[in-house]
Amino acid sequence: MNTIAQRLTKLQDPAFADLTAKTIPGFDRQYFIGVRTPQLRALAKELYGSAAARSFTNELPHRYFEEYQLHSFIISREKNFEICIKETEKFLPFVNNWAVCDQLCPACFSKNKDKLLPSIYKWLESEHLYTKRFAVKMLMSHFLDNDFDKRYLDAVCGIKSEEYYMKMMIAWYIATALAKQYESTLPYLTEHRLDKWTHNKAIQKAVESRRITDEQKTYLKTLKIK
């Protein structure tokens, strides 16, 4: 861990760390080293499969934000589904911000959707904010195209949370669902299946999307709750 932390420190950009700290509130400035995402991805590619990577990913919690990012990128490179889901399960309870949560994108999940789905449903029941957010993100990433089912919309719209980062994820999911499954998703807005804030935020994000037609945007604007 110390060796990896030292390598991260050599890549640091204090000005970038200042910027990152502003986008991820609630942490001391010292939590951020200041390493850009492409550099972290390159390091993850270099370390993946090594003894150093195995040692690093077994040491939780980490000290720095960038260590969590690096950890997520290493997991995301794992090709073996069973190993990947095990490492993801181990990692999720320690994820403590939206950025690390959203950058955890295991490539092998897209080829193992049937195996992934039971874990998603388990994560949806978690009391841990970012485990639940990750579950919704996985439904958004992998189950809005050919594998779409309205029961996934039901599951997401059934989440009751006052957490800002959870509500933002639900809004993001609904906006994406409108872009990909408009007719199936629209009733969840016309029937007011979401709380007011999330409902309006989903519409806002959909209206900002290039994947929504102008006609659809015009109608969606009429559904905003005042």
Protein backbone atom coordinates (compact mmCIF):
# COMPACT_ATOMS: atom_id res chain seq x y z
CA MET A 1 0.00 0.00 0.00
CA ASN A 2 2.73 2.42 0.92
CA THR A 3 4.48 1.83 -2.41
CA ILE A 4 1.28 2.48 -4.36
CA ALA A 5 0.52 5.57 -2.28
CA GLN A 6 4.03 6.81 -3.04
CA ARG A 7 3.48 6.25 -6.76
CA LEU A 8 0.23 8.18 -6.58
CA THR A 9 1.97 11.01 -4.76
CA LYS A 10 4.53 11.28 -7.57
CA LEU A 11 1.63 11.86 -9.99
CA GLN A 12 -0.08 14.47 -7.87
CA ASP A 13 -1.32 17.82 -9.09
CA PRO A 14 -2.27 19.97 -6.06
CA ALA A 15 -4.46 22.27 -8.15
CA PHE A 16 -6.41 19.27 -9.45
CA ALA A 17 -6.75 17.99 -5.89
CA ASP A 18 -8.27 21.34 -4.91
CA LEU A 19 -10.77 21.04 -7.76
CA THR A 20 -11.66 17.44 -6.90
CA ALA A 21 -12.23 18.34 -3.26
CA LYS A 22 -14.80 20.91 -4.35
CA THR A 23 -16.76 18.39 -6.42
CA ILE A 24 -16.83 15.79 -3.64
CA PRO A 25 -17.88 17.63 -0.48
CA GLY A 26 -17.67 16.31 3.05
CA PHE A 27 -13.98 15.37 3.10
CA ASP A 28 -10.85 17.14 4.31
CA ARG A 29 -8.60 18.48 1.59
CA GLN A 30 -5.88 16.06 2.75
CA TYR A 31 -8.05 13.15 1.56
CA PHE A 32 -7.26 14.07 -2.06
CA ILE A 33 -3.85 13.54 -3.64
CA GLY A 34 -4.76 15.02 -7.01
CA VAL A 35 -4.22 12.37 -9.70
CA ARG A 36 -6.14 12.55 -12.96
CA THR A 37 -8.34 9.69 -14.09
CA PRO A 38 -6.31 8.70 -17.20
CA GLN A 39 -3.22 8.31 -15.02
CA LEU A 40 -5.15 6.17 -12.55
CA ARG A 41 -6.50 3.98 -15.33
CA ALA A 42 -3.02 3.54 -16.75
CA LEU A 43 -1.69 2.53 -13.34
CA ALA A 44 -4.57 0.08 -12.88
CA LYS A 45 -3.74 -1.48 -16.25
CA GLU A 46 -0.10 -1.82 -15.22
CA LEU A 47 -0.89 -3.31 -11.80
CA TYR A 48 -3.77 -5.62 -12.76
CA GLY A 49 -2.99 -9.25 -12.05
CA SER A 50 0.14 -8.51 -10.03
CA ALA A 51 0.95 -9.44 -6.45
CA ALA A 52 1.08 -5.74 -5.66
CA ALA A 53 -2.49 -5.30 -6.90
CA ARG A 54 -3.71 -8.28 -4.87
CA SER A 55 -2.06 -6.92 -1.75
CA PHE A 56 -3.46 -3.44 -2.37
CA THR A 57 -7.04 -4.58 -2.95
CA ASN A 58 -6.94 -6.71 0.19
CA GLU A 59 -6.10 -3.70 2.35
CA LEU A 60 -9.27 -1.82 3.22
CA PRO A 61 -10.10 0.86 4.13
CA HIS A 62 -7.80 3.03 2.07
CA ARG A 63 -6.44 6.38 3.15
CA TYR A 64 -6.90 8.46 0.00
CA PHE A 65 -9.65 9.09 -2.53
CA GLU A 66 -7.34 8.16 -5.40
CA GLU A 67 -6.62 4.80 -3.79
CA TYR A 68 -10.33 4.03 -3.91
CA GLN A 69 -10.44 5.15 -7.53
CA LEU A 70 -7.48 2.96 -8.39
CA HIS A 71 -9.09 0.04 -6.58
CA SER A 72 -12.29 0.48 -8.61
CA PHE A 73 -10.33 0.54 -11.88
CA ILE A 74 -8.45 -2.64 -10.96
CA ILE A 75 -11.72 -4.44 -10.20
CA SER A 76 -13.22 -3.13 -13.43
CA ARG A 77 -10.48 -4.87 -15.43
CA GLU A 78 -11.24 -8.31 -13.96
CA LYS A 79 -12.41 -10.74 -16.67
CA ASN A 80 -13.49 -13.61 -14.44
CA PHE A 81 -17.04 -12.94 -13.24
CA GLU A 82 -16.82 -14.97 -10.03
CA ILE A 83 -13.64 -13.21 -8.98
CA CYS A 84 -15.02 -9.84 -10.01
CA ILE A 85 -18.27 -10.15 -8.10
CA LYS A 86 -16.36 -11.30 -5.01
CA GLU A 87 -14.02 -8.31 -5.22
CA THR A 88 -16.93 -5.97 -5.84
CA GLU A 89 -18.78 -7.29 -2.79
CA LYS A 90 -15.68 -6.78 -0.69
CA PHE A 91 -15.16 -3.25 -1.96
CA LEU A 92 -18.68 -1.78 -1.95
CA PRO A 93 -19.09 -1.34 1.84
CA PHE A 94 -16.06 0.96 1.82
CA VAL A 95 -17.19 3.19 -1.06
CA ASN A 96 -17.97 6.56 0.50
CA ASN A 97 -18.65 8.97 -2.37
CA TRP A 98 -20.48 9.19 -5.69
CA ALA A 99 -17.37 9.43 -7.85
CA VAL A 100 -15.81 6.13 -6.81
CA CYS A 101 -19.23 4.48 -6.95
CA ASP A 102 -19.85 5.64 -10.50
CA GLN A 103 -16.38 4.75 -11.76
CA LEU A 104 -16.73 1.13 -10.70
CA CYS A 105 -17.71 -0.41 -14.04
CA PRO A 106 -16.64 -4.07 -14.31
CA ALA A 107 -16.45 -4.98 -17.99
CA CYS A 108 -17.29 -8.63 -17.37
CA PHE A 109 -20.73 -7.78 -15.96
CA SER A 110 -22.11 -7.05 -19.44
CA LYS A 111 -21.40 -10.64 -20.49
CA ASN A 112 -22.86 -12.19 -17.33
CA LYS A 113 -26.15 -10.38 -16.81
CA ASP A 114 -28.08 -13.42 -15.59
CA LYS A 115 -25.46 -14.02 -12.92
CA LEU A 116 -25.31 -10.32 -12.05
CA LEU A 117 -29.03 -9.78 -11.49
CA PRO A 118 -29.33 -11.59 -8.11
CA SER A 119 -26.50 -9.44 -6.74
CA ILE A 120 -28.20 -6.28 -8.00
CA TYR A 121 -31.39 -7.17 -6.15
CA LYS A 122 -29.37 -7.85 -3.01
CA TRP A 123 -27.59 -4.50 -3.32
CA LEU A 124 -30.92 -2.73 -3.76
CA GLU A 125 -31.84 -3.90 -0.26
CA SER A 126 -28.63 -2.58 1.28
CA GLU A 127 -28.74 0.16 3.92
CA HIS A 128 -25.41 1.44 2.58
CA LEU A 129 -26.05 4.45 0.33
CA TYR A 130 -23.42 3.76 -2.31
CA THR A 131 -24.10 0.03 -2.51
CA LYS A 132 -27.72 0.87 -3.33
CA ARG A 133 -26.64 3.61 -5.77
CA PHE A 134 -24.31 1.12 -7.47
CA ALA A 135 -27.22 -1.32 -7.87
CA VAL A 136 -29.29 1.31 -9.70
CA LYS A 137 -26.30 2.21 -11.83
CA MET A 138 -25.91 -1.44 -12.85
CA LEU A 139 -29.58 -1.59 -13.83
CA MET A 140 -29.07 1.57 -15.87
CA SER A 141 -25.89 0.32 -17.52
CA HIS A 142 -26.96 -3.23 -18.35
CA PHE A 143 -30.75 -3.55 -18.30
CA LEU A 144 -32.22 -0.73 -20.37
CA ASP A 145 -31.66 -2.23 -23.81
CA ASN A 146 -32.45 -5.77 -24.98
CA ASP A 147 -32.64 -7.05 -21.40
CA PHE A 148 -35.10 -4.38 -20.27
CA ASP A 149 -38.04 -5.33 -18.07
CA LYS A 150 -40.54 -3.00 -16.37
CA ARG A 151 -39.90 -4.75 -13.07
CA TYR A 152 -36.54 -2.97 -12.98
CA LEU A 153 -38.33 0.37 -13.26
CA ASP A 154 -40.61 -0.75 -10.43
CA ALA A 155 -37.59 -1.63 -8.30
CA VAL A 156 -35.91 1.74 -8.84
CA CYS A 157 -39.07 3.80 -8.38
CA GLY A 158 -39.81 1.84 -5.22
CA ILE A 159 -36.67 3.10 -3.48
CA LYS A 160 -37.51 5.48 -0.66
CA SER A 161 -34.58 7.70 0.29
CA GLU A 162 -33.92 11.28 1.30
CA GLU A 163 -30.23 10.97 0.42
CA TYR A 164 -29.25 13.48 -2.27
CA TYR A 165 -26.90 11.11 -4.08
CA MET A 166 -29.50 8.36 -4.13
CA LYS A 167 -32.21 10.63 -5.49
CA MET A 168 -29.82 11.96 -8.14
CA MET A 169 -29.06 8.39 -9.24
CA ILE A 170 -32.75 7.58 -9.54
CA ALA A 171 -33.31 10.73 -11.60
CA TRP A 172 -30.37 9.80 -13.83
CA TYR A 173 -31.79 6.30 -14.26
CA ILE A 174 -35.26 7.59 -15.19
CA ALA A 175 -33.84 10.11 -17.67
CA THR A 176 -31.80 7.36 -19.32
CA ALA A 177 -34.80 5.04 -19.32
CA LEU A 178 -36.82 7.73 -21.08
CA ALA A 179 -34.14 7.91 -23.76
CA LYS A 180 -34.11 4.16 -24.27
CA GLN A 181 -37.57 2.95 -23.24
CA TYR A 182 -39.72 6.06 -23.51
CA GLU A 183 -43.19 4.50 -23.74
CA SER A 184 -42.58 2.12 -20.84
CA THR A 185 -41.03 4.80 -18.63
CA LEU A 186 -43.40 7.69 -19.23
CA PRO A 187 -46.22 6.35 -16.97
CA TYR A 188 -43.88 6.49 -13.98
CA LEU A 189 -43.93 10.27 -14.41
CA THR A 190 -47.57 10.74 -15.41
CA GLU A 191 -48.62 8.60 -12.44
CA HIS A 192 -46.28 10.49 -10.07
CA ARG A 193 -44.42 7.39 -8.90
CA LEU A 194 -41.50 9.49 -7.65
CA ASP A 195 -41.18 12.20 -5.01
CA LYS A 196 -41.45 15.76 -6.33
CA TRP A 197 -37.72 16.56 -6.29
CA THR A 198 -36.66 13.35 -8.06
CA HIS A 199 -39.56 13.61 -10.51
CA ASN A 200 -38.56 17.12 -11.56
CA LYS A 201 -34.86 16.33 -11.65
CA ALA A 202 -35.49 13.34 -13.92
CA ILE A 203 -37.42 15.58 -16.30
CA GLN A 204 -34.66 18.19 -16.20
CA LYS A 205 -32.00 15.61 -17.05
CA ALA A 206 -34.15 14.12 -19.81
CA VAL A 207 -34.76 17.53 -21.36
CA GLU A 208 -31.01 18.13 -21.35
CA SER A 209 -30.39 14.83 -23.16
CA ARG A 210 -29.64 14.73 -26.88
CA ARG A 211 -31.30 11.31 -27.04
CA ILE A 212 -34.75 12.74 -26.30
CA THR A 213 -36.69 14.24 -29.23
CA ASP A 214 -37.82 17.86 -29.20
CA GLU A 215 -41.43 16.71 -29.19
CA GLN A 216 -40.81 14.48 -26.19
CA LYS A 217 -39.00 17.29 -24.37
CA THR A 218 -41.91 19.65 -24.92
CA TYR A 219 -44.32 17.15 -23.42
CA LEU A 220 -42.04 16.23 -20.53
CA LYS A 221 -41.83 19.89 -19.51
CA THR A 222 -45.62 19.89 -19.01
CA LEU A 223 -45.24 17.10 -16.45
CA LYS A 224 -43.10 19.09 -14.02
CA ILE A 225 -44.64 19.36 -10.57
CA LYS A 226 -44.88 22.93 -9.29
